[in-house]
């Protein structure tokens, strides 16, 4: 699997080749928010460096709570107990964090609060380290007493504005699970001096981190003396799906399995195209299908079961169809699963926005020949290239054109049920609900129910008028 070239112009494949030739580096830094790929790369590098039978005495796994930088240096300087190489692994360190890392930490917290709350909590604790705050400082609504200007200076304009969507839930989780404010990992000067002087012959340092400040001296030192590999999260559903497929094909091949195209889509929808979740689900599917070579959509449905993403899909489908009963039932399911009302509102906003984008695309005349009853395969062959041209012109992955082809296909089909004026009116209703939810302190569930009644009621009134 190819990886992005990094500061040290090394890919995982070239690193492994160099180690196999006896030309390994004294240190490696693996970083990025694709933690599954980071852990996968760490495993391959450790496998290449230390024979399995020697790992009890020649492999030392550490983290920031294992004694800090001084403990890492001591482990690197201590002679190996057996002949051969010795590796010290420092996992998920915060040594490369700085205050400039806070906006990225905030984004990660917001992205994972609904899908991986423990991970969001770990990033939140790192945020507290950098800000110099404590859980006691923020609990009992203490976070609301921090001035907006201080939040903006620390987390950026967007991060400060969106904090009420994720902060209360993450804070509640940290307090409920007794997460203590952690000691800071300490200064890095002693490790920088050790790398500058050179590690003992055969000793190797391997470090993993989810985020780095490239301006830090330690980062530059490791890039200069060793190899830095970045595993950064891919934006856009289509790209995430491609990365998921690329990353998991090796596992499928080892087990003599394939996934049908429809099963790939179903797997991604149920896991949110998150690599770790997808890999764990694939292990279950491989076991479930036994000797059968192809994994089908029915297998995915049977093994993984109903997920929050399924409920989200139900809600957006109900909105597009104007099915109020189904929309209200899906809303109830999402709230029962603990999804924050502001997150649900963001889902509704995204759906209406995509319908509006679809209507604009159709009215532009760029998709001549599109029909709501055309099948997906024909759309992908004949019209999707024109959509990709639109994406190249617009840039970014937040527009409809940057989504998975099937998402675009459905949005275009569903947008034909509405006029552009109707969709603009729906966007105004959604924005009004957003303002009301954030400013009035009213019952969030009631506001969402009224919004769904309004949106679906508009579609129902239109259908009734057409039937008459």
Protein backbone atom coordinates (compact mmCIF):
# COMPACT_ATOMS: atom_id res chain seq x y z
CA UNK A 1 0.00 0.00 0.00
CA UNK A 2 1.47 3.32 -1.00
CA UNK A 3 1.71 6.08 1.60
CA UNK A 4 2.28 9.80 1.27
CA UNK A 5 5.87 10.93 0.95
CA UNK A 6 6.98 12.80 4.06
CA UNK A 7 9.46 15.43 5.17
CA UNK A 8 12.24 12.81 5.05
CA UNK A 9 10.96 11.65 1.63
CA UNK A 10 10.37 8.15 2.94
CA UNK A 11 7.40 5.87 2.42
CA UNK A 12 6.60 2.83 4.56
CA UNK A 13 7.70 0.55 1.73
CA UNK A 14 11.09 2.27 1.36
CA UNK A 15 11.61 2.22 5.14
CA UNK A 16 10.98 -1.53 5.24
CA UNK A 17 13.28 -2.10 2.27
CA UNK A 18 16.08 -0.13 3.96
CA UNK A 19 15.71 -2.14 7.18
CA UNK A 20 15.81 -5.40 5.21
CA UNK A 21 19.07 -4.24 3.56
CA UNK A 22 20.61 -3.37 6.93
CA UNK A 23 20.35 0.37 6.23
CA UNK A 24 17.71 1.27 8.80
CA UNK A 25 17.53 4.71 10.44
CA UNK A 26 18.23 5.34 14.16
CA UNK A 27 14.76 6.84 14.67
CA UNK A 28 11.30 6.82 13.13
CA UNK A 29 8.33 9.10 13.72
CA UNK A 30 4.91 7.87 12.62
CA UNK A 31 2.13 10.40 13.04
CA UNK A 32 -1.36 11.26 11.87
CA UNK A 33 -5.02 10.95 12.77
CA UNK A 34 -5.43 7.68 10.84
CA UNK A 35 -4.48 5.73 13.96
CA UNK A 36 -5.22 2.37 12.33
CA UNK A 37 -2.60 3.04 9.64
CA UNK A 38 -0.14 4.35 12.24
CA UNK A 39 -0.51 1.18 14.33
CA UNK A 40 -0.32 -0.99 11.22
CA UNK A 41 2.91 0.72 10.14
CA UNK A 42 4.34 0.47 13.67
CA UNK A 43 3.71 -3.28 13.66
CA UNK A 44 5.45 -3.73 10.32
CA UNK A 45 8.48 -1.69 11.39
CA UNK A 46 8.79 -3.58 14.69
CA UNK A 47 8.48 -6.88 12.81
CA UNK A 48 11.30 -5.78 10.50
CA UNK A 49 13.55 -4.55 13.33
CA UNK A 50 13.25 -7.19 16.05
CA UNK A 51 12.80 -10.95 15.53
CA UNK A 52 9.76 -12.23 17.40
CA UNK A 53 11.79 -14.55 19.62
CA UNK A 54 13.92 -11.61 20.87
CA UNK A 55 11.14 -9.17 21.72
CA UNK A 56 10.84 -9.99 25.41
CA UNK A 57 14.36 -8.63 25.97
CA UNK A 58 14.91 -6.30 23.00
CA UNK A 59 11.61 -4.44 22.57
CA UNK A 60 10.51 -1.79 25.08
CA UNK A 61 7.03 -0.26 24.75
CA UNK A 62 6.53 3.07 26.55
CA UNK A 63 4.16 6.05 26.69
CA UNK A 64 4.15 9.51 28.27
CA UNK A 65 3.02 8.05 31.57
CA UNK A 66 5.96 5.60 31.70
CA UNK A 67 8.37 8.16 33.10
CA UNK A 68 8.60 10.75 30.38
CA UNK A 69 11.52 11.75 28.21
CA UNK A 70 14.18 10.81 30.76
CA UNK A 71 12.86 7.23 30.97
CA UNK A 72 12.95 6.96 27.16
CA UNK A 73 16.56 8.18 27.05
CA UNK A 74 17.56 5.81 29.83
CA UNK A 75 16.04 2.88 27.91
CA UNK A 76 17.88 3.93 24.75
CA UNK A 77 21.24 4.18 26.54
CA UNK A 78 20.95 0.94 28.51
CA UNK A 79 22.93 -1.86 26.79
CA UNK A 80 20.86 -4.65 25.28
CA UNK A 81 20.67 -7.88 27.29
CA UNK A 82 21.03 -9.99 24.15
CA UNK A 83 23.05 -9.58 20.95
CA UNK A 84 21.30 -7.83 18.10
CA UNK A 85 19.13 -4.74 17.65
CA UNK A 86 17.09 -3.08 20.39
CA UNK A 87 14.00 -0.95 19.83
CA UNK A 88 12.36 1.55 22.18
CA UNK A 89 8.82 2.46 21.13
CA UNK A 90 7.17 5.60 22.51
CA UNK A 91 3.47 5.36 21.59
CA UNK A 92 0.91 8.16 21.20
CA UNK A 93 3.14 10.81 22.67
CA UNK A 94 2.20 14.44 23.23
CA UNK A 95 5.82 15.61 22.90
CA UNK A 96 5.08 17.19 19.52
CA UNK A 97 2.02 19.13 20.65
CA UNK A 98 2.00 22.90 21.04
CA UNK A 99 -0.71 25.50 21.36
CA UNK A 100 -0.89 25.57 17.56
CA UNK A 101 -2.12 21.95 17.80
CA UNK A 102 -5.30 22.98 19.65
CA UNK A 103 -7.50 23.77 16.60
CA UNK A 104 -6.64 20.34 15.16
CA UNK A 105 -7.38 18.67 18.52
CA UNK A 106 -10.74 20.46 18.64
CA UNK A 107 -11.57 19.23 15.14
CA UNK A 108 -10.72 15.66 16.13
CA UNK A 109 -12.84 15.88 19.27
CA UNK A 110 -15.81 17.21 17.30
CA UNK A 111 -15.37 14.52 14.62
CA UNK A 112 -15.18 11.61 17.09
CA UNK A 113 -17.51 12.63 19.92
CA UNK A 114 -20.37 10.56 18.46
CA UNK A 115 -18.37 7.67 17.04
CA UNK A 116 -15.47 7.19 19.48
CA UNK A 117 -16.08 9.03 22.76
CA UNK A 118 -13.02 7.55 24.57
CA UNK A 119 -10.77 8.86 21.80
CA UNK A 120 -12.46 12.26 21.96
CA UNK A 121 -11.88 12.27 25.73
CA UNK A 122 -8.14 11.51 25.30
CA UNK A 123 -7.79 14.41 22.89
CA UNK A 124 -9.75 16.62 25.26
CA UNK A 125 -7.33 15.82 28.09
CA UNK A 126 -4.44 16.76 25.77
CA UNK A 127 -6.24 20.03 25.03
CA UNK A 128 -6.40 20.73 28.77
CA UNK A 129 -2.64 20.16 29.02
CA UNK A 130 -1.93 22.72 26.31
CA UNK A 131 -4.42 25.29 27.60
CA UNK A 132 -3.27 24.95 31.20
CA UNK A 133 -6.81 24.12 32.32
CA UNK A 134 -8.10 21.32 34.53
CA UNK A 135 -11.28 19.28 34.74
CA UNK A 136 -12.11 21.05 37.99
CA UNK A 137 -11.73 24.35 36.17
CA UNK A 138 -14.33 23.38 33.54
CA UNK A 139 -16.87 21.30 35.45
CA UNK A 140 -20.18 22.67 36.76
CA UNK A 141 -20.53 24.92 33.69
CA UNK A 142 -17.10 26.40 34.37
CA UNK A 143 -16.25 26.19 30.67
CA UNK A 144 -19.00 28.70 29.93
CA UNK A 145 -17.25 31.28 32.12
CA UNK A 146 -14.13 31.26 29.92
CA UNK A 147 -14.38 34.35 27.67
CA UNK A 148 -15.16 33.79 23.99
CA UNK A 149 -12.03 35.74 23.08
CA UNK A 150 -9.86 33.27 25.02
CA UNK A 151 -11.54 30.33 23.29
CA UNK A 152 -11.03 31.94 19.86
CA UNK A 153 -7.38 32.66 20.58
CA UNK A 154 -6.82 29.03 21.57
CA UNK A 155 -9.10 27.03 19.27
CA UNK A 156 -9.72 29.35 16.33
CA UNK A 157 -12.97 30.98 15.26
CA UNK A 158 -14.73 27.79 14.15
CA UNK A 159 -13.54 25.69 17.09
CA UNK A 160 -14.70 28.29 19.58
CA UNK A 161 -18.10 28.70 17.93
CA UNK A 162 -18.80 24.95 17.80
CA UNK A 163 -17.63 23.96 21.30
CA UNK A 164 -21.12 23.72 22.79
CA UNK A 165 -21.87 20.83 20.42
CA UNK A 166 -19.22 18.54 21.89
CA UNK A 167 -17.72 19.96 25.06
CA UNK A 168 -20.48 19.13 27.59
CA UNK A 169 -20.62 15.49 26.53
CA UNK A 170 -16.84 14.99 26.49
CA UNK A 171 -16.46 16.76 29.83
CA UNK A 172 -19.19 14.57 31.35
CA UNK A 173 -17.41 11.43 30.07
CA UNK A 174 -14.03 12.52 31.51
CA UNK A 175 -15.51 13.26 34.92
CA UNK A 176 -17.67 10.11 34.99
CA UNK A 177 -14.66 7.91 34.16
CA UNK A 178 -12.36 9.62 36.65
CA UNK A 179 -9.82 10.78 34.09
CA UNK A 180 -7.19 12.63 36.06
CA UNK A 181 -5.33 15.64 34.75
CA UNK A 182 -2.14 14.12 33.45
CA UNK A 183 1.39 15.25 34.08
CA UNK A 184 2.88 17.04 31.13
CA UNK A 185 5.32 14.90 29.13
CA UNK A 186 8.11 17.34 29.86
CA UNK A 187 10.79 19.08 27.83
CA UNK A 188 12.53 17.37 24.95
CA UNK A 189 16.04 18.85 25.20
CA UNK A 190 17.65 15.70 26.66
CA UNK A 191 16.22 13.54 23.86
CA UNK A 192 17.29 16.07 21.23
CA UNK A 193 20.83 16.02 22.64
CA UNK A 194 20.87 12.21 22.58
CA UNK A 195 19.74 12.07 18.95
CA UNK A 196 22.30 14.71 18.01
CA UNK A 197 25.10 12.72 19.68
CA UNK A 198 23.91 9.46 18.13
CA UNK A 199 22.22 6.43 19.66
CA UNK A 200 24.24 3.37 20.68
CA UNK A 201 24.93 0.97 17.81
CA UNK A 202 21.87 -1.10 16.96
CA UNK A 203 19.48 0.91 19.17
CA UNK A 204 16.43 2.39 17.46
CA UNK A 205 13.75 4.82 18.64
CA UNK A 206 10.26 4.52 17.15
CA UNK A 207 7.71 7.21 18.08
CA UNK A 208 4.01 7.50 17.24
CA UNK A 209 1.85 10.60 17.66
CA UNK A 210 -1.56 11.65 16.41
CA UNK A 211 -0.54 15.26 15.78
CA UNK A 212 2.70 17.22 15.53
CA UNK A 213 3.92 20.79 15.36
CA UNK A 214 6.49 20.63 12.56
CA UNK A 215 8.26 23.69 13.94
CA UNK A 216 9.36 21.84 17.06
CA UNK A 217 13.08 21.12 17.27
CA UNK A 218 12.45 17.45 18.08
CA UNK A 219 10.41 17.02 14.91
CA UNK A 220 13.15 18.59 12.79
CA UNK A 221 15.77 16.46 14.54
CA UNK A 222 13.92 13.21 13.83
CA UNK A 223 13.29 14.24 10.23
CA UNK A 224 16.99 15.02 9.80
CA UNK A 225 18.42 11.96 11.61
CA UNK A 226 15.72 9.42 10.75
CA UNK A 227 12.44 9.09 8.87
CA UNK A 228 9.06 10.74 9.38
CA UNK A 229 5.93 9.08 7.99
CA UNK A 230 2.56 10.86 7.92
CA UNK A 231 -0.79 9.07 7.93
CA UNK A 232 -3.31 11.87 7.62
CA UNK A 233 -7.06 11.49 7.49
CA UNK A 234 -8.53 11.60 4.02
CA UNK A 235 -11.31 14.14 3.47
CA UNK A 236 -14.42 13.37 1.47
CA UNK A 237 -16.47 10.20 1.56
CA UNK A 238 -15.29 8.95 -1.83
CA UNK A 239 -11.63 9.28 -0.85
CA UNK A 240 -12.20 7.67 2.55
CA UNK A 241 -13.92 4.76 0.84
CA UNK A 242 -10.96 4.39 -1.54
CA UNK A 243 -8.50 4.40 1.36
CA UNK A 244 -10.61 1.87 3.26
CA UNK A 245 -10.67 -0.49 0.27
CA UNK A 246 -6.95 -0.05 -0.38
CA UNK A 247 -6.08 -0.70 3.26
CA UNK A 248 -8.26 -3.80 3.68
CA UNK A 249 -7.62 -5.60 0.38
CA UNK A 250 -4.42 -7.11 1.79
CA UNK A 251 -6.41 -8.68 4.64
CA UNK A 252 -9.01 -9.98 2.18
CA UNK A 253 -6.35 -11.45 -0.10
CA UNK A 254 -4.63 -13.25 2.79
CA UNK A 255 -7.92 -14.91 3.64
CA UNK A 256 -8.93 -15.68 0.05
CA UNK A 257 -11.93 -13.34 0.19
CA UNK A 258 -13.50 -10.63 -1.91
CA UNK A 259 -16.27 -8.09 -1.25
CA UNK A 260 -18.91 -7.30 -3.82
CA UNK A 261 -19.11 -3.59 -4.79
CA UNK A 262 -22.43 -3.31 -2.95
CA UNK A 263 -20.90 -4.92 0.16
CA UNK A 264 -18.09 -2.34 0.17
CA UNK A 265 -20.69 0.44 0.20
CA UNK A 266 -22.68 -1.26 2.98
CA UNK A 267 -19.55 -1.84 5.07
CA UNK A 268 -18.48 1.78 4.69
CA UNK A 269 -21.92 3.11 5.56
CA UNK A 270 -22.06 1.02 8.73
CA UNK A 271 -18.56 1.98 9.87
CA UNK A 272 -18.47 5.55 8.63
CA UNK A 273 -15.46 4.49 6.49
CA UNK A 274 -13.37 4.54 9.68
CA UNK A 275 -10.42 2.23 9.09
CA UNK A 276 -10.21 0.63 12.52
CA UNK A 277 -13.95 -0.04 12.71
CA UNK A 278 -13.93 -1.37 9.14
CA UNK A 279 -11.01 -3.70 9.87
CA UNK A 280 -12.70 -5.10 12.98
CA UNK A 281 -15.94 -5.61 11.07
CA UNK A 282 -14.05 -7.34 8.26
CA UNK A 283 -12.56 -9.84 10.75
CA UNK A 284 -16.10 -10.78 11.78
CA UNK A 285 -17.21 -11.09 8.15
CA UNK A 286 -14.28 -13.34 7.27
CA UNK A 287 -15.15 -15.68 10.14
CA UNK A 288 -18.88 -15.58 9.36
CA UNK A 289 -18.55 -16.51 5.68
CA UNK A 290 -16.31 -19.52 6.36
CA UNK A 291 -15.21 -21.22 3.14
CA UNK A 292 -17.29 -18.95 0.90
CA UNK A 293 -15.04 -16.62 -1.10
CA UNK A 294 -17.31 -13.61 -1.74
CA UNK A 295 -18.71 -11.48 1.06
CA UNK A 296 -22.09 -10.07 0.01
CA UNK A 297 -24.26 -7.21 1.23
CA UNK A 298 -26.51 -9.69 3.06
CA UNK A 299 -23.48 -10.85 5.07
CA UNK A 300 -22.68 -7.27 6.08
CA UNK A 301 -26.27 -6.71 7.18
CA UNK A 302 -26.35 -10.00 9.10
CA UNK A 303 -23.03 -9.58 10.90
CA UNK A 304 -22.71 -5.88 11.62
CA UNK A 305 -26.36 -5.24 12.27
CA UNK A 306 -28.08 -1.93 12.61
CA UNK A 307 -25.85 1.05 13.42
CA UNK A 308 -26.25 4.72 14.07
CA UNK A 309 -25.28 5.33 10.45
CA UNK A 310 -28.26 3.23 9.36
CA UNK A 311 -30.55 5.42 11.45
CA UNK A 312 -28.98 8.54 9.94
CA UNK A 313 -29.59 7.07 6.48
CA UNK A 314 -33.23 6.40 7.43
CA UNK A 315 -33.66 10.00 8.59
CA UNK A 316 -32.19 11.53 5.46
CA UNK A 317 -34.22 9.20 3.23
CA UNK A 318 -37.39 10.11 5.12
CA UNK A 319 -36.63 13.81 4.72
CA UNK A 320 -36.07 13.45 1.00
CA UNK A 321 -39.32 11.51 0.62
CA UNK A 322 -41.33 13.75 2.97
CA UNK A 323 -42.17 10.73 5.16
CA UNK A 324 -42.95 12.38 8.51
CA UNK A 325 -43.69 9.17 10.43
CA UNK A 326 -40.37 7.59 9.45
CA UNK A 327 -38.49 10.86 10.08
CA UNK A 328 -39.87 11.20 13.62
CA UNK A 329 -39.14 7.53 14.37
CA UNK A 330 -35.54 7.94 13.16
CA UNK A 331 -35.17 11.10 15.24
CA UNK A 332 -36.30 9.16 18.32
CA UNK A 333 -33.80 6.38 17.58
CA UNK A 334 -30.91 8.83 17.23
CA UNK A 335 -31.76 10.63 20.46
CA UNK A 336 -32.07 7.26 22.24
CA UNK A 337 -28.60 6.34 20.96
CA UNK A 338 -27.25 9.48 22.64
CA UNK A 339 -26.62 11.56 19.52
CA UNK A 340 -26.54 15.24 20.46
CA UNK A 341 -29.44 17.32 19.05
CA UNK A 342 -27.03 19.77 17.42
CA UNK A 343 -25.36 16.87 15.61
CA UNK A 344 -28.77 15.69 14.35
CA UNK A 345 -29.53 19.23 13.19
CA UNK A 346 -26.21 19.23 11.33
CA UNK A 347 -27.26 15.98 9.58
CA UNK A 348 -30.57 17.53 8.53
CA UNK A 349 -28.79 20.66 7.32
CA UNK A 350 -26.36 18.57 5.28
CA UNK A 351 -29.21 16.66 3.61
CA UNK A 352 -31.13 19.81 2.65
CA UNK A 353 -27.91 21.44 1.43
CA UNK A 354 -27.09 18.43 -0.77
CA UNK A 355 -30.61 18.47 -2.22
CA UNK A 356 -30.15 22.15 -3.03
CA UNK A 357 -26.74 21.45 -4.59
CA UNK A 358 -28.36 18.69 -6.65
CA UNK A 359 -31.07 21.03 -7.89
CA UNK A 360 -28.47 23.65 -8.85
CA UNK A 361 -26.48 21.01 -10.75
CA UNK A 362 -29.58 19.91 -12.66
CA UNK A 363 -30.58 23.49 -13.49
CA UNK A 364 -27.05 24.28 -14.69
CA UNK A 365 -27.53 22.10 -17.77
CA UNK A 366 -24.30 20.19 -17.05
CA UNK A 367 -26.11 16.84 -16.58
CA UNK A 368 -28.07 16.56 -19.80
CA UNK A 369 -29.85 13.22 -19.96
CA UNK A 370 -30.29 12.71 -16.24
CA UNK A 371 -33.57 11.08 -15.24
CA UNK A 372 -34.78 10.21 -11.78
CA UNK A 373 -35.58 6.66 -12.92
CA UNK A 374 -32.17 5.93 -14.44
CA UNK A 375 -30.17 3.18 -12.71
CA UNK A 376 -27.04 3.91 -10.69
CA UNK A 377 -24.70 2.03 -13.03
CA UNK A 378 -25.72 4.13 -16.01
CA UNK A 379 -25.43 7.34 -13.98
CA UNK A 380 -21.91 6.41 -12.88
CA UNK A 381 -20.81 5.61 -16.44
CA UNK A 382 -22.39 8.50 -18.31
CA UNK A 383 -22.95 11.45 -15.97
CA UNK A 384 -20.64 11.10 -12.98
CA UNK A 385 -17.58 12.33 -14.99
CA UNK A 386 -19.42 15.64 -15.52
CA UNK A 387 -20.04 15.87 -11.77
CA UNK A 388 -16.31 15.32 -11.14
CA UNK A 389 -15.56 18.23 -13.47
CA UNK A 390 -17.83 20.38 -11.31
CA UNK A 391 -15.94 19.26 -8.19
CA UNK A 392 -12.62 20.24 -9.78
CA UNK A 393 -14.03 23.70 -10.49
CA UNK A 394 -15.59 24.16 -7.04
CA UNK A 395 -12.78 22.58 -5.01
CA UNK A 396 -13.08 20.98 -1.55
CA UNK A 397 -15.08 17.96 -0.43
CA UNK A 398 -17.96 19.69 1.39
CA UNK A 399 -20.07 20.18 -1.75
CA UNK A 400 -22.30 17.47 -3.16
CA UNK A 401 -19.88 16.98 -6.06
CA UNK A 402 -17.19 15.83 -3.63
CA UNK A 403 -19.28 12.99 -2.17
CA UNK A 404 -19.51 9.29 -3.03
CA UNK A 405 -21.18 8.72 -6.44
CA UNK A 406 -24.15 6.95 -4.83
CA UNK A 407 -24.76 9.92 -2.50
CA UNK A 408 -24.72 12.25 -5.52
CA UNK A 409 -27.04 9.94 -7.46
CA UNK A 410 -29.61 9.86 -4.66
CA UNK A 411 -29.43 13.62 -4.04
CA UNK A 412 -30.03 14.34 -7.72
CA UNK A 413 -32.97 11.94 -7.86
CA UNK A 414 -34.52 13.31 -4.68
CA UNK A 415 -33.93 16.95 -5.63
CA UNK A 416 -36.27 16.52 -8.60
CA UNK A 417 -39.16 16.33 -6.14
CA UNK A 418 -38.56 19.95 -5.12
CA UNK A 419 -38.22 23.33 -6.75
CA UNK A 420 -35.18 25.47 -6.04
CA UNK A 421 -37.43 27.92 -4.19
CA UNK A 422 -38.78 25.16 -1.94
CA UNK A 423 -35.28 23.99 -1.05
CA UNK A 424 -34.14 27.55 -0.30
CA UNK A 425 -37.16 27.93 1.99
CA UNK A 426 -36.23 24.68 3.73
CA UNK A 427 -32.67 25.95 4.28
CA UNK A 428 -34.12 29.08 5.89
CA UNK A 429 -36.21 26.91 8.25
CA UNK A 430 -33.16 24.84 9.16
CA UNK A 431 -31.09 27.95 9.89
CA UNK A 432 -33.91 29.36 12.03
CA UNK A 433 -33.99 26.12 14.01
CA UNK A 434 -30.21 26.32 14.47
CA UNK A 435 -30.47 29.85 15.88
CA UNK A 436 -33.36 28.86 18.15
CA UNK A 437 -31.55 25.80 19.50
CA UNK A 438 -28.38 27.74 20.29
CA UNK A 439 -29.92 30.91 21.68
CA UNK A 440 -33.32 30.28 23.26
CA UNK A 441 -32.53 27.32 25.50
CA UNK A 442 -35.78 25.67 24.39
CA UNK A 443 -36.43 21.93 24.37
CA UNK A 444 -34.08 20.60 21.67
CA UNK A 445 -36.20 17.53 20.89
CA UNK A 446 -39.32 19.65 20.47
CA UNK A 447 -37.48 22.05 18.15
CA UNK A 448 -36.27 19.14 16.01
CA UNK A 449 -39.71 17.55 15.88
CA UNK A 450 -41.27 20.85 14.80
CA UNK A 451 -38.61 21.24 12.13
CA UNK A 452 -39.28 17.74 10.74
CA UNK A 453 -43.03 18.37 10.79
CA UNK A 454 -42.44 21.60 8.90
CA UNK A 455 -40.05 20.07 6.31
CA UNK A 456 -42.01 16.89 5.72
CA UNK A 457 -45.33 18.73 5.94
CA UNK A 458 -44.24 20.93 3.05
CA UNK A 459 -43.59 17.84 0.92
CA UNK A 460 -46.89 16.25 1.98
CA UNK A 461 -48.85 19.39 1.12
CA UNK A 462 -47.20 19.46 -2.29
CA UNK A 463 -47.96 15.75 -2.94
CA UNK A 464 -51.58 16.25 -1.90
CA UNK A 465 -51.89 19.18 -4.27
CA UNK A 466 -50.44 17.14 -7.13
CA UNK A 467 -52.81 14.22 -6.46
CA UNK A 468 -55.82 16.55 -6.48
